[in-house]
N, C-alpha and C. Protein backbone atom coordinates (compact mmCIF):
# COMPACT_ATOMS: atom_id res chain seq x y z
N MET A 1 16.17 -22.95 -28.95
CA MET A 1 16.08 -21.49 -28.80
C MET A 1 15.60 -21.78 -27.49
N THR A 2 16.10 -20.84 -26.33
CA THR A 2 15.53 -20.49 -25.16
C THR A 2 14.57 -19.56 -25.25
N ARG A 3 13.37 -19.53 -24.55
CA ARG A 3 12.11 -18.69 -24.36
C ARG A 3 12.36 -17.82 -23.56
N LYS A 4 12.55 -16.58 -23.77
CA LYS A 4 12.86 -15.26 -22.94
C LYS A 4 11.24 -15.26 -22.03
N THR A 5 11.79 -15.42 -20.79
CA THR A 5 10.76 -15.17 -19.50
C THR A 5 10.46 -13.68 -19.32
N ARG A 6 8.98 -13.80 -18.86
CA ARG A 6 8.72 -12.25 -18.93
C ARG A 6 8.69 -11.73 -17.66
N THR A 7 9.23 -10.71 -17.27
CA THR A 7 9.56 -10.10 -15.84
C THR A 7 8.29 -9.40 -15.47
N PRO A 8 8.01 -10.19 -14.02
CA PRO A 8 6.72 -10.18 -13.49
C PRO A 8 6.20 -8.67 -13.17
N VAL A 9 5.08 -8.07 -13.45
CA VAL A 9 4.79 -7.00 -13.22
C VAL A 9 4.25 -7.25 -12.06
N VAL A 10 5.21 -6.26 -10.80
CA VAL A 10 4.33 -5.50 -9.47
C VAL A 10 4.26 -4.29 -8.99
N THR A 11 2.86 -4.00 -9.37
CA THR A 11 2.22 -2.65 -9.14
C THR A 11 2.25 -2.14 -7.70
N GLY A 12 3.09 -1.18 -7.51
CA GLY A 12 2.53 -0.47 -5.77
C GLY A 12 1.08 0.12 -6.02
N LEU A 13 0.81 -0.42 -4.86
CA LEU A 13 -0.48 0.41 -4.84
C LEU A 13 -0.64 1.12 -3.33
N LEU A 14 -0.72 2.39 -3.46
CA LEU A 14 -0.75 3.00 -2.38
C LEU A 14 -2.17 3.38 -1.72
N LEU A 15 -3.09 3.20 -0.68
CA LEU A 15 -3.89 3.47 -0.02
C LEU A 15 -3.34 4.87 0.96
N ALA A 16 -4.18 6.05 0.24
CA ALA A 16 -3.88 6.73 0.96
C ALA A 16 -5.33 7.75 0.68
N ALA A 17 -6.59 7.34 1.36
CA ALA A 17 -7.91 8.04 1.25
C ALA A 17 -8.65 8.22 2.58
N GLY A 18 -7.51 8.07 3.84
CA GLY A 18 -7.90 8.40 5.20
C GLY A 18 -8.00 9.92 5.56
N GLY A 19 -9.16 10.10 6.17
CA GLY A 19 -9.58 11.35 6.69
C GLY A 19 -9.04 11.92 7.84
N GLY A 20 -8.33 10.89 8.50
CA GLY A 20 -7.70 11.56 9.86
C GLY A 20 -8.67 11.97 10.64
N ARG A 21 -9.56 11.04 10.85
CA ARG A 21 -10.47 11.58 11.95
C ARG A 21 -9.66 12.08 13.60
N ARG A 22 -9.10 10.89 13.83
CA ARG A 22 -8.17 11.41 15.29
C ARG A 22 -7.07 12.19 15.14
N LEU A 23 -7.53 12.46 13.96
CA LEU A 23 -6.17 14.06 14.15
C LEU A 23 -6.46 15.55 13.56
N GLY A 24 -8.05 15.14 14.19
CA GLY A 24 -8.80 16.36 13.94
C GLY A 24 -9.34 16.83 12.35
N GLY A 25 -9.41 15.86 11.40
CA GLY A 25 -9.67 15.92 10.13
C GLY A 25 -9.01 16.03 9.29
N ARG A 26 -7.47 15.56 9.72
CA ARG A 26 -6.63 16.28 8.64
C ARG A 26 -5.95 15.11 7.60
N PRO A 27 -6.53 14.86 6.58
CA PRO A 27 -6.55 14.19 5.37
C PRO A 27 -4.89 13.62 5.36
N LYS A 28 -4.70 12.23 5.84
CA LYS A 28 -3.60 11.88 5.94
C LYS A 28 -2.55 12.12 4.31
N ALA A 29 -2.82 11.83 3.75
CA ALA A 29 -2.29 12.36 2.43
C ALA A 29 -1.39 13.54 2.12
N LEU A 30 -2.20 14.57 2.90
CA LEU A 30 -1.66 16.00 3.00
C LEU A 30 -0.97 16.44 4.28
N LEU A 31 -0.87 15.56 5.26
CA LEU A 31 0.38 15.36 6.26
C LEU A 31 2.10 15.78 5.60
N GLU A 32 2.55 17.09 6.00
CA GLU A 32 3.70 17.16 5.66
C GLU A 32 4.81 16.39 6.20
N HIS A 33 5.60 15.78 5.25
CA HIS A 33 6.96 15.12 5.92
C HIS A 33 7.95 15.44 5.09
N ARG A 34 9.06 15.81 5.64
CA ARG A 34 10.33 16.05 4.62
C ARG A 34 10.29 17.20 3.65
N GLY A 35 9.32 18.39 3.84
CA GLY A 35 9.08 18.92 3.04
C GLY A 35 7.82 19.06 1.80
N ARG A 36 7.19 18.12 1.78
CA ARG A 36 6.49 17.71 0.92
C ARG A 36 5.10 16.50 1.62
N PRO A 37 3.97 16.48 0.66
CA PRO A 37 2.72 15.83 1.31
C PRO A 37 3.14 14.43 1.57
N LEU A 38 2.59 13.96 2.77
CA LEU A 38 2.93 12.79 3.16
C LEU A 38 2.68 11.15 1.70
N VAL A 39 1.61 11.24 0.80
CA VAL A 39 0.93 11.06 -0.30
C VAL A 39 2.49 10.70 -1.24
N GLU A 40 3.22 11.73 -1.45
CA GLU A 40 4.15 12.14 -2.40
C GLU A 40 5.08 11.47 -2.00
N HIS A 41 5.89 11.42 -0.71
CA HIS A 41 6.41 10.19 0.35
C HIS A 41 6.83 9.02 -0.34
N ALA A 42 4.96 8.91 -0.03
CA ALA A 42 5.16 7.23 -0.23
C ALA A 42 4.92 6.49 -1.69
N VAL A 43 4.91 7.41 -2.65
CA VAL A 43 4.70 6.92 -4.08
C VAL A 43 6.64 7.04 -4.30
N HIS A 44 6.94 8.09 -3.83
CA HIS A 44 8.64 7.98 -4.13
C HIS A 44 9.09 6.78 -3.41
N VAL A 45 8.84 6.09 -2.20
CA VAL A 45 8.95 4.88 -1.61
C VAL A 45 9.09 3.75 -2.49
N LEU A 46 7.46 3.57 -3.00
CA LEU A 46 7.25 2.75 -3.73
C LEU A 46 8.19 2.65 -5.04
N ARG A 47 8.19 3.49 -6.15
CA ARG A 47 8.79 3.48 -7.09
C ARG A 47 10.85 3.32 -6.66
N GLU A 48 11.24 3.88 -5.66
CA GLU A 48 12.55 3.52 -5.12
C GLU A 48 12.86 2.05 -4.94
N GLY A 49 11.62 1.21 -4.36
CA GLY A 49 11.72 -0.10 -4.25
C GLY A 49 11.60 -1.18 -5.15
N GLY A 50 11.13 -0.22 -6.22
CA GLY A 50 11.02 -1.37 -7.40
C GLY A 50 10.08 -1.61 -8.38
N CYS A 51 8.96 -0.84 -7.85
CA CYS A 51 7.80 -0.78 -8.51
C CYS A 51 7.49 0.19 -9.62
N ASP A 52 7.57 -0.08 -10.69
CA ASP A 52 7.68 0.59 -11.80
C ASP A 52 6.25 1.71 -11.96
N ARG A 53 5.11 0.82 -12.11
CA ARG A 53 4.02 1.42 -11.80
C ARG A 53 3.64 1.51 -10.51
N VAL A 54 2.87 2.88 -10.45
CA VAL A 54 2.46 2.82 -8.78
C VAL A 54 0.77 3.37 -9.05
N HIS A 55 -0.27 2.68 -8.46
CA HIS A 55 -1.59 3.32 -8.36
C HIS A 55 -1.83 3.57 -7.12
N VAL A 56 -2.63 5.02 -6.99
CA VAL A 56 -2.83 5.58 -5.31
C VAL A 56 -4.50 5.63 -5.17
N VAL A 57 -4.83 5.11 -4.32
CA VAL A 57 -6.40 5.50 -4.07
C VAL A 57 -6.62 6.53 -3.02
N LEU A 58 -6.96 7.24 -3.48
CA LEU A 58 -7.33 8.63 -2.84
C LEU A 58 -8.84 8.78 -2.10
N GLY A 59 -9.19 9.30 -1.19
CA GLY A 59 -10.33 9.68 -0.34
C GLY A 59 -11.01 10.95 -0.14
N ALA A 60 -10.44 11.14 1.28
CA ALA A 60 -10.48 12.30 1.54
C ALA A 60 -9.61 13.70 0.86
N ALA A 61 -10.81 14.31 0.74
CA ALA A 61 -9.87 15.78 0.05
C ALA A 61 -9.34 15.72 -1.30
N ALA A 62 -9.86 14.59 -1.99
CA ALA A 62 -8.87 13.73 -3.14
C ALA A 62 -8.41 15.04 -4.18
N GLU A 63 -9.72 16.00 -4.74
CA GLU A 63 -8.98 17.18 -5.31
C GLU A 63 -8.00 18.22 -4.76
N GLU A 64 -8.04 18.74 -3.35
CA GLU A 64 -6.81 18.96 -3.02
C GLU A 64 -5.87 18.27 -2.94
N VAL A 65 -5.78 17.34 -2.89
CA VAL A 65 -4.42 16.25 -2.69
C VAL A 65 -3.98 16.45 -4.49
N ARG A 66 -4.70 15.95 -5.08
CA ARG A 66 -4.46 16.30 -6.47
C ARG A 66 -3.52 17.54 -6.98
N ALA A 67 -4.35 18.65 -6.40
CA ALA A 67 -3.80 20.38 -6.71
C ALA A 67 -2.20 19.98 -5.76
N ARG A 68 -2.07 19.57 -4.55
CA ARG A 68 -0.77 19.87 -3.93
C ARG A 68 0.38 18.83 -4.02
N ALA A 69 -0.29 17.61 -4.39
CA ALA A 69 0.70 16.55 -4.47
C ALA A 69 1.36 16.50 -5.88
N ARG A 70 2.58 15.87 -5.85
CA ARG A 70 3.02 15.74 -7.60
C ARG A 70 2.75 14.05 -7.77
N LEU A 71 1.81 13.79 -8.38
CA LEU A 71 1.49 12.36 -8.68
C LEU A 71 1.45 12.07 -9.95
N ALA A 72 2.69 12.87 -10.95
CA ALA A 72 2.41 12.45 -12.24
C ALA A 72 2.97 10.87 -12.22
N GLY A 73 2.47 10.35 -13.28
CA GLY A 73 3.44 9.06 -13.94
C GLY A 73 2.26 7.92 -13.06
N CYS A 74 1.56 8.48 -11.78
CA CYS A 74 0.84 7.81 -11.31
C CYS A 74 -0.62 7.21 -11.72
N THR A 75 -1.44 6.40 -11.43
CA THR A 75 -2.75 6.47 -11.87
C THR A 75 -3.35 6.49 -10.70
N VAL A 76 -4.56 7.24 -10.56
CA VAL A 76 -5.24 7.88 -9.26
C VAL A 76 -6.58 7.26 -9.59
N THR A 77 -7.04 6.60 -8.47
CA THR A 77 -8.47 6.30 -8.51
C THR A 77 -9.00 6.90 -7.37
N VAL A 78 -10.55 7.64 -7.22
CA VAL A 78 -10.64 8.14 -5.81
C VAL A 78 -11.49 7.21 -5.69
N ASN A 79 -11.65 6.98 -4.28
CA ASN A 79 -12.67 6.05 -3.73
C ASN A 79 -13.94 6.69 -3.06
N PRO A 80 -14.93 6.82 -3.58
CA PRO A 80 -16.01 7.78 -3.55
C PRO A 80 -16.63 6.86 -1.69
N GLY A 81 -16.36 5.94 -1.43
CA GLY A 81 -16.59 5.27 -0.18
C GLY A 81 -15.52 5.22 1.03
N TRP A 82 -14.73 6.40 0.78
CA TRP A 82 -13.32 6.26 2.11
C TRP A 82 -14.46 6.09 3.12
N THR A 83 -14.88 6.88 3.41
CA THR A 83 -15.54 6.62 4.69
C THR A 83 -15.87 5.48 5.29
N GLU A 84 -16.22 4.19 4.44
CA GLU A 84 -16.21 2.92 5.16
C GLU A 84 -15.18 2.39 5.84
N GLY A 85 -13.97 3.03 5.48
CA GLY A 85 -12.52 1.96 5.94
C GLY A 85 -11.72 1.68 5.04
N MET A 86 -10.86 1.46 5.42
CA MET A 86 -9.47 1.04 4.40
C MET A 86 -10.21 -0.10 3.55
N GLY A 87 -10.82 -0.94 3.96
CA GLY A 87 -11.65 -2.15 3.29
C GLY A 87 -11.99 -1.60 1.67
N SER A 88 -12.58 -0.27 1.92
CA SER A 88 -13.09 0.01 0.33
C SER A 88 -11.93 0.56 -0.34
N SER A 89 -11.21 1.24 -0.15
CA SER A 89 -9.99 1.36 -0.76
C SER A 89 -9.53 0.38 -0.97
N LEU A 90 -9.21 -0.63 -0.42
CA LEU A 90 -8.46 -1.71 -1.13
C LEU A 90 -9.27 -2.41 -2.20
N ARG A 91 -10.42 -2.84 -2.05
CA ARG A 91 -11.25 -3.02 -3.21
C ARG A 91 -11.14 -2.12 -4.39
N ALA A 92 -11.33 -0.87 -3.94
CA ALA A 92 -11.12 -0.01 -5.16
C ALA A 92 -10.10 0.08 -5.91
N GLY A 93 -8.79 -0.14 -5.16
CA GLY A 93 -7.55 -0.22 -5.65
C GLY A 93 -7.05 -1.70 -6.54
N LEU A 94 -7.79 -2.82 -5.97
CA LEU A 94 -7.73 -4.01 -6.60
C LEU A 94 -8.50 -4.07 -7.89
N GLY A 95 -9.57 -3.57 -8.32
CA GLY A 95 -10.80 -3.49 -8.61
C GLY A 95 -9.69 -2.63 -10.07
N ALA A 96 -9.43 -1.83 -9.66
CA ALA A 96 -8.82 -0.64 -10.74
C ALA A 96 -7.35 -1.32 -11.67
N LEU A 97 -6.89 -2.09 -10.75
CA LEU A 97 -5.74 -2.95 -11.39
C LEU A 97 -6.00 -4.20 -12.19
N THR A 98 -7.50 -4.76 -11.59
CA THR A 98 -7.73 -5.92 -12.55
C THR A 98 -7.93 -5.47 -14.24
N GLY A 99 -7.17 -6.02 -14.81
CA GLY A 99 -6.98 -5.99 -16.33
C GLY A 99 -5.99 -5.45 -16.91
N THR A 100 -5.04 -4.50 -15.98
CA THR A 100 -3.94 -3.76 -15.90
C THR A 100 -2.60 -4.54 -16.76
N GLY A 101 -2.50 -5.85 -16.68
CA GLY A 101 -1.67 -6.86 -16.74
C GLY A 101 -0.70 -7.32 -15.74
N ALA A 102 -1.02 -6.48 -14.12
CA ALA A 102 -0.13 -6.72 -13.22
C ALA A 102 -0.06 -7.68 -12.41
N ASP A 103 0.94 -8.53 -12.09
CA ASP A 103 1.13 -9.83 -11.62
C ASP A 103 0.54 -10.08 -10.31
N ALA A 104 1.06 -9.02 -9.49
CA ALA A 104 0.93 -8.61 -8.00
C ALA A 104 0.76 -7.04 -7.96
N ALA A 105 -0.05 -6.64 -6.49
CA ALA A 105 0.01 -5.73 -6.22
C ALA A 105 0.95 -5.66 -5.10
N LEU A 106 1.72 -4.37 -4.83
CA LEU A 106 2.15 -4.63 -3.41
C LEU A 106 2.16 -3.22 -2.84
N VAL A 107 1.07 -3.57 -1.84
CA VAL A 107 0.10 -2.36 -1.06
C VAL A 107 1.27 -1.89 -0.02
N LEU A 108 1.27 -0.53 0.18
CA LEU A 108 1.72 0.19 1.12
C LEU A 108 0.76 0.99 1.55
N LEU A 109 0.47 1.70 3.08
CA LEU A 109 -0.16 2.47 3.82
C LEU A 109 0.60 3.63 3.76
N VAL A 110 -0.08 4.91 3.65
CA VAL A 110 -0.12 6.36 3.25
C VAL A 110 0.52 6.84 4.82
N ASP A 111 -0.10 5.85 5.69
CA ASP A 111 0.30 6.85 6.88
C ASP A 111 1.75 5.97 7.74
N GLN A 112 2.37 5.41 7.19
CA GLN A 112 3.77 4.72 7.76
C GLN A 112 4.95 5.21 7.04
N PRO A 113 5.10 6.31 7.18
CA PRO A 113 6.53 6.85 6.74
C PRO A 113 7.84 5.82 7.47
N GLY A 114 7.57 5.43 8.33
CA GLY A 114 9.09 4.68 8.78
C GLY A 114 9.21 3.40 7.87
N ILE A 115 8.37 3.34 6.81
CA ILE A 115 8.62 2.15 5.99
C ILE A 115 9.38 2.83 4.74
N GLY A 116 10.33 2.08 4.40
CA GLY A 116 11.32 2.66 3.19
C GLY A 116 11.54 2.03 1.98
N ALA A 117 12.21 2.43 1.40
CA ALA A 117 11.99 1.77 0.01
C ALA A 117 12.93 0.17 0.29
N ASP A 118 14.03 0.33 1.13
CA ASP A 118 14.36 -1.22 1.13
C ASP A 118 13.45 -2.30 1.89
N ALA A 119 12.26 -1.62 2.63
CA ALA A 119 11.39 -2.71 2.84
C ALA A 119 10.44 -2.95 1.75
N VAL A 120 9.90 -2.19 0.67
CA VAL A 120 9.56 -2.27 -0.08
C VAL A 120 10.14 -3.46 -1.06
N ALA A 121 11.33 -3.03 -1.12
CA ALA A 121 12.28 -4.21 -2.31
C ALA A 121 12.06 -5.25 -1.96
N ARG A 122 12.47 -5.96 -0.24
CA ARG A 122 12.24 -7.10 0.13
C ARG A 122 11.26 -7.99 -0.31
N VAL A 123 10.40 -6.98 0.04
CA VAL A 123 8.67 -7.98 -0.03
C VAL A 123 8.47 -8.03 -1.79
N ARG A 124 9.03 -7.17 -2.43
CA ARG A 124 8.82 -7.10 -3.74
C ARG A 124 9.39 -8.53 -4.45
N SER A 125 10.73 -8.61 -3.68
CA SER A 125 11.79 -9.72 -4.01
C SER A 125 11.46 -11.20 -4.14
N ALA A 126 10.04 -11.37 -2.94
CA ALA A 126 9.79 -12.53 -2.73
C ALA A 126 8.83 -12.84 -3.46
N TYR A 127 8.34 -12.34 -4.64
CA TYR A 127 7.37 -12.37 -5.17
C TYR A 127 7.65 -13.94 -6.38
N ARG A 128 6.91 -14.79 -6.29
CA ARG A 128 6.94 -16.12 -7.18
C ARG A 128 6.14 -16.31 -8.05
N SER A 129 5.11 -16.01 -7.99
CA SER A 129 3.83 -16.65 -8.98
C SER A 129 2.53 -15.46 -8.37
N ARG A 130 1.54 -15.93 -9.67
CA ARG A 130 0.43 -14.64 -9.29
C ARG A 130 -0.90 -15.53 -7.99
N THR A 131 -0.17 -16.31 -7.36
CA THR A 131 -0.90 -16.51 -6.08
C THR A 131 0.08 -16.27 -5.08
N SER A 132 1.21 -15.80 -5.21
CA SER A 132 2.29 -15.09 -4.07
C SER A 132 1.80 -14.48 -2.99
N LEU A 133 1.91 -14.76 -2.03
CA LEU A 133 1.30 -14.06 -0.48
C LEU A 133 2.47 -13.73 0.26
N VAL A 134 2.58 -12.46 0.38
CA VAL A 134 4.16 -12.05 0.83
C VAL A 134 3.50 -10.87 1.92
N ALA A 135 4.48 -10.63 3.37
CA ALA A 135 4.09 -9.67 4.19
C ALA A 135 5.57 -9.42 4.61
N ALA A 136 5.90 -8.34 4.79
CA ALA A 136 6.74 -7.70 5.72
C ALA A 136 6.69 -8.07 7.18
N SER A 137 7.58 -8.89 7.96
CA SER A 137 7.48 -9.06 9.50
C SER A 137 8.14 -8.17 10.07
N TYR A 138 7.97 -8.10 11.46
CA TYR A 138 8.73 -7.00 12.63
C TYR A 138 9.13 -8.01 13.84
N HIS A 139 10.06 -8.17 13.93
CA HIS A 139 10.26 -8.92 14.71
C HIS A 139 9.32 -10.43 14.82
N GLY A 140 9.25 -10.90 13.63
CA GLY A 140 7.97 -12.05 13.68
C GLY A 140 6.83 -11.76 13.47
N GLU A 141 6.49 -10.67 13.69
CA GLU A 141 5.05 -10.17 13.59
C GLU A 141 4.45 -9.61 12.40
N ARG A 142 3.45 -10.07 11.64
CA ARG A 142 3.02 -9.43 10.16
C ARG A 142 2.60 -8.03 10.21
N GLY A 143 3.32 -7.54 9.19
CA GLY A 143 3.11 -6.16 9.23
C GLY A 143 2.49 -5.33 7.69
N HIS A 144 3.42 -4.32 7.19
CA HIS A 144 3.32 -3.67 5.86
C HIS A 144 4.46 -3.55 5.66
N PRO A 145 4.69 -3.46 4.08
CA PRO A 145 3.74 -3.87 3.49
C PRO A 145 3.52 -5.58 2.97
N VAL A 146 2.59 -5.38 2.13
CA VAL A 146 2.04 -6.82 1.78
C VAL A 146 2.32 -6.68 0.30
N LEU A 147 2.08 -8.18 -0.17
CA LEU A 147 1.96 -8.21 -1.80
C LEU A 147 1.28 -9.22 -1.79
N PHE A 148 0.12 -9.27 -2.95
CA PHE A 148 -0.66 -9.98 -3.49
C PHE A 148 -0.59 -10.54 -4.70
N GLY A 149 -0.53 -11.36 -4.97
CA GLY A 149 -0.68 -12.36 -6.63
C GLY A 149 -1.78 -11.93 -7.00
N ALA A 150 -1.79 -11.46 -8.43
CA ALA A 150 -3.24 -11.17 -9.18
C ALA A 150 -4.48 -12.44 -9.07
N GLY A 151 -3.99 -13.67 -8.65
CA GLY A 151 -4.29 -14.97 -8.55
C GLY A 151 -5.44 -14.58 -7.69
N ARG A 152 -5.10 -13.85 -6.26
CA ARG A 152 -5.91 -13.90 -4.79
C ARG A 152 -6.75 -12.64 -4.61
N TRP A 153 -6.62 -11.78 -5.85
CA TRP A 153 -7.08 -10.24 -5.35
C TRP A 153 -8.68 -10.29 -5.72
N ALA A 154 -9.43 -11.40 -6.20
CA ALA A 154 -10.90 -11.36 -6.04
C ALA A 154 -11.33 -11.99 -4.74
N ASP A 155 -10.76 -12.90 -4.35
CA ASP A 155 -10.88 -13.35 -2.91
C ASP A 155 -10.97 -12.56 -1.93
N ILE A 156 -9.43 -11.81 -1.71
CA ILE A 156 -9.07 -10.33 -0.84
C ILE A 156 -10.01 -9.30 -0.95
N ALA A 157 -10.67 -9.12 -2.24
CA ALA A 157 -11.85 -7.92 -2.37
C ALA A 157 -12.88 -8.16 -1.97
N ALA A 158 -13.34 -9.42 -1.76
CA ALA A 158 -14.47 -9.63 -1.59
C ALA A 158 -14.60 -9.76 0.43
N GLY A 159 -13.37 -9.90 0.72
CA GLY A 159 -13.42 -9.93 2.16
C GLY A 159 -13.08 -9.12 3.18
N ALA A 160 -12.72 -7.86 1.99
CA ALA A 160 -12.13 -6.52 2.50
C ALA A 160 -13.37 -5.62 2.96
N LEU A 161 -13.70 -5.62 4.25
CA LEU A 161 -14.97 -4.78 4.42
C LEU A 161 -14.16 -4.01 6.03
N GLY A 162 -14.78 -2.76 6.25
CA GLY A 162 -14.63 -1.98 7.13
C GLY A 162 -13.18 -1.74 7.46
N ASP A 163 -12.78 -1.39 8.30
CA ASP A 163 -11.30 -1.26 8.55
C ASP A 163 -10.27 -2.41 8.78
N GLN A 164 -10.75 -3.36 8.26
CA GLN A 164 -9.96 -4.61 8.27
C GLN A 164 -9.41 -4.95 7.27
N GLY A 165 -9.33 -4.54 6.23
CA GLY A 165 -8.32 -4.70 4.46
C GLY A 165 -8.74 -6.26 4.43
N ALA A 166 -7.33 -6.53 4.31
CA ALA A 166 -7.11 -8.11 3.91
C ALA A 166 -6.86 -8.81 5.16
N ARG A 167 -6.92 -8.04 6.21
CA ARG A 167 -6.59 -8.76 7.92
C ARG A 167 -7.27 -10.16 7.93
N ALA A 168 -8.47 -10.49 7.62
CA ALA A 168 -9.34 -11.73 7.75
C ALA A 168 -8.80 -12.73 6.53
N TYR A 169 -8.64 -12.05 5.79
CA TYR A 169 -8.14 -13.17 4.37
C TYR A 169 -6.77 -13.84 4.99
N LEU A 170 -6.11 -12.67 5.07
CA LEU A 170 -4.64 -12.84 5.36
C LEU A 170 -4.51 -14.21 7.06
N ARG A 171 -5.60 -14.00 7.92
CA ARG A 171 -5.41 -14.75 8.87
C ARG A 171 -5.74 -16.15 8.54
N ALA A 172 -6.58 -16.14 7.64
CA ALA A 172 -7.48 -17.40 6.86
C ALA A 172 -5.98 -18.31 6.01
N HIS A 173 -5.23 -17.53 5.47
CA HIS A 173 -4.35 -18.08 4.58
C HIS A 173 -2.57 -17.96 5.12
N ARG A 174 -2.78 -17.84 6.64
CA ARG A 174 -1.34 -17.33 7.33
C ARG A 174 -0.49 -18.63 6.83
N ASP A 175 -0.82 -19.86 6.35
CA ASP A 175 0.37 -20.66 6.05
C ASP A 175 0.60 -20.25 4.65
N ALA A 176 0.15 -19.57 3.89
CA ALA A 176 0.77 -19.27 2.28
C ALA A 176 1.22 -18.02 2.42
N ILE A 177 1.55 -17.55 3.77
CA ILE A 177 2.27 -16.25 3.81
C ILE A 177 3.62 -16.43 3.99
N THR A 178 4.42 -15.81 2.87
CA THR A 178 5.82 -16.03 3.18
C THR A 178 6.25 -14.47 3.67
N LEU A 179 6.78 -14.74 4.76
CA LEU A 179 6.90 -13.24 5.90
C LEU A 179 8.42 -13.03 5.73
N VAL A 180 8.74 -11.86 5.52
CA VAL A 180 9.92 -11.15 5.03
C VAL A 180 10.54 -10.03 6.04
N GLU A 181 11.21 -10.54 7.01
CA GLU A 181 11.75 -9.45 8.26
C GLU A 181 12.03 -8.39 7.74
N CYS A 182 12.08 -7.07 8.10
CA CYS A 182 11.75 -6.02 7.79
C CYS A 182 12.69 -4.99 9.20
N SER A 183 12.74 -5.67 10.30
CA SER A 183 12.40 -4.54 11.51
C SER A 183 14.29 -4.38 11.44
N ASP A 184 14.87 -4.87 10.78
CA ASP A 184 16.59 -4.06 10.58
C ASP A 184 16.22 -2.71 9.73
N VAL A 185 15.46 -2.63 8.69
CA VAL A 185 15.48 -1.45 8.27
C VAL A 185 14.32 -0.69 7.87
N ALA A 186 13.33 -0.74 8.29
CA ALA A 186 11.84 -0.41 8.50
C ALA A 186 11.00 0.05 10.35
N GLN A 187 10.80 0.83 10.09
CA GLN A 187 9.49 1.07 11.49
C GLN A 187 8.35 1.05 11.26
N ALA A 188 7.18 0.07 11.68
CA ALA A 188 6.09 -0.05 11.10
C ALA A 188 4.92 1.03 11.56
N TYR A 189 5.22 2.02 12.51
CA TYR A 189 4.29 2.72 13.11
C TYR A 189 3.35 3.61 12.41
N ASP A 190 2.37 3.87 12.81
CA ASP A 190 1.05 4.89 12.15
C ASP A 190 1.33 6.32 12.31
N ILE A 191 0.55 6.83 11.64
CA ILE A 191 0.38 8.16 12.15
C ILE A 191 -1.06 8.43 12.13
N ASP A 192 -1.64 8.04 13.34
CA ASP A 192 -3.10 7.63 13.55
C ASP A 192 -3.59 9.09 14.42
N THR A 193 -3.15 9.48 15.50
CA THR A 193 -3.24 10.50 16.78
C THR A 193 -2.20 11.64 16.31
N VAL A 194 -2.31 12.79 17.44
CA VAL A 194 -1.82 13.87 17.33
C VAL A 194 -0.66 13.25 17.81
N GLU A 195 -0.62 12.64 18.78
CA GLU A 195 0.78 12.33 19.43
C GLU A 195 1.66 11.73 18.49
N ASP A 196 1.51 10.74 17.25
CA ASP A 196 2.16 10.49 16.42
C ASP A 196 2.83 11.18 15.59
N LEU A 197 2.11 12.57 15.22
CA LEU A 197 3.03 13.34 14.52
C LEU A 197 4.36 13.66 14.88
N LYS A 198 4.62 13.41 15.88
CA LYS A 198 5.94 13.44 16.11
C LYS A 198 7.28 12.87 15.35
N HIS A 199 6.37 11.56 14.74
CA HIS A 199 7.03 10.71 13.80
C HIS A 199 7.68 11.38 12.43
N LEU A 200 6.93 12.90 12.06
CA LEU A 200 7.11 13.13 10.70
C LEU A 200 8.26 14.42 10.88
N GLU A 201 8.78 14.37 10.04
CA GLU A 201 10.09 15.53 9.63
C GLU A 201 9.78 16.42 8.86
């Protein structure tokens, strides 16, 4: 009798806590894109890319985001230390995922609307085990989204400080990273400044 193999659970982890300091204090989650808040667009991208579960980390204007964005079906964590930078949101998200049965977290940043479901699906499909380390690449340069197998979460969280997120960990483990080229299906720009707002539709 053949043993049924369990389908791995890859949970989408959306980091959406930023306060948009260089945007005059406009929370990034609430920037409008295609008629809806950016956070809602990003949740849709994760779901379309194959993440059945989506976990959202909020920070700046969290209550307003909850009120204005349709986040039904998502698990929401509010990071009280969001002003410390993205590292604190990554720690909060991975901490909240621990014990949920997820085999990996596929991390997407709310301020990268040029990354769509195709890139998410490619990175997700490169999952192999709970030690998987996968990143989208753009013309050979590592970018987002990234996938972290659950066996790596504790070490990644321990090094997630300031605005670095997992950068130091990824640099130290570059030989273990599976790079998935996505430049043909996505654009990895950030919405950081007023000038960047031209990318929103």
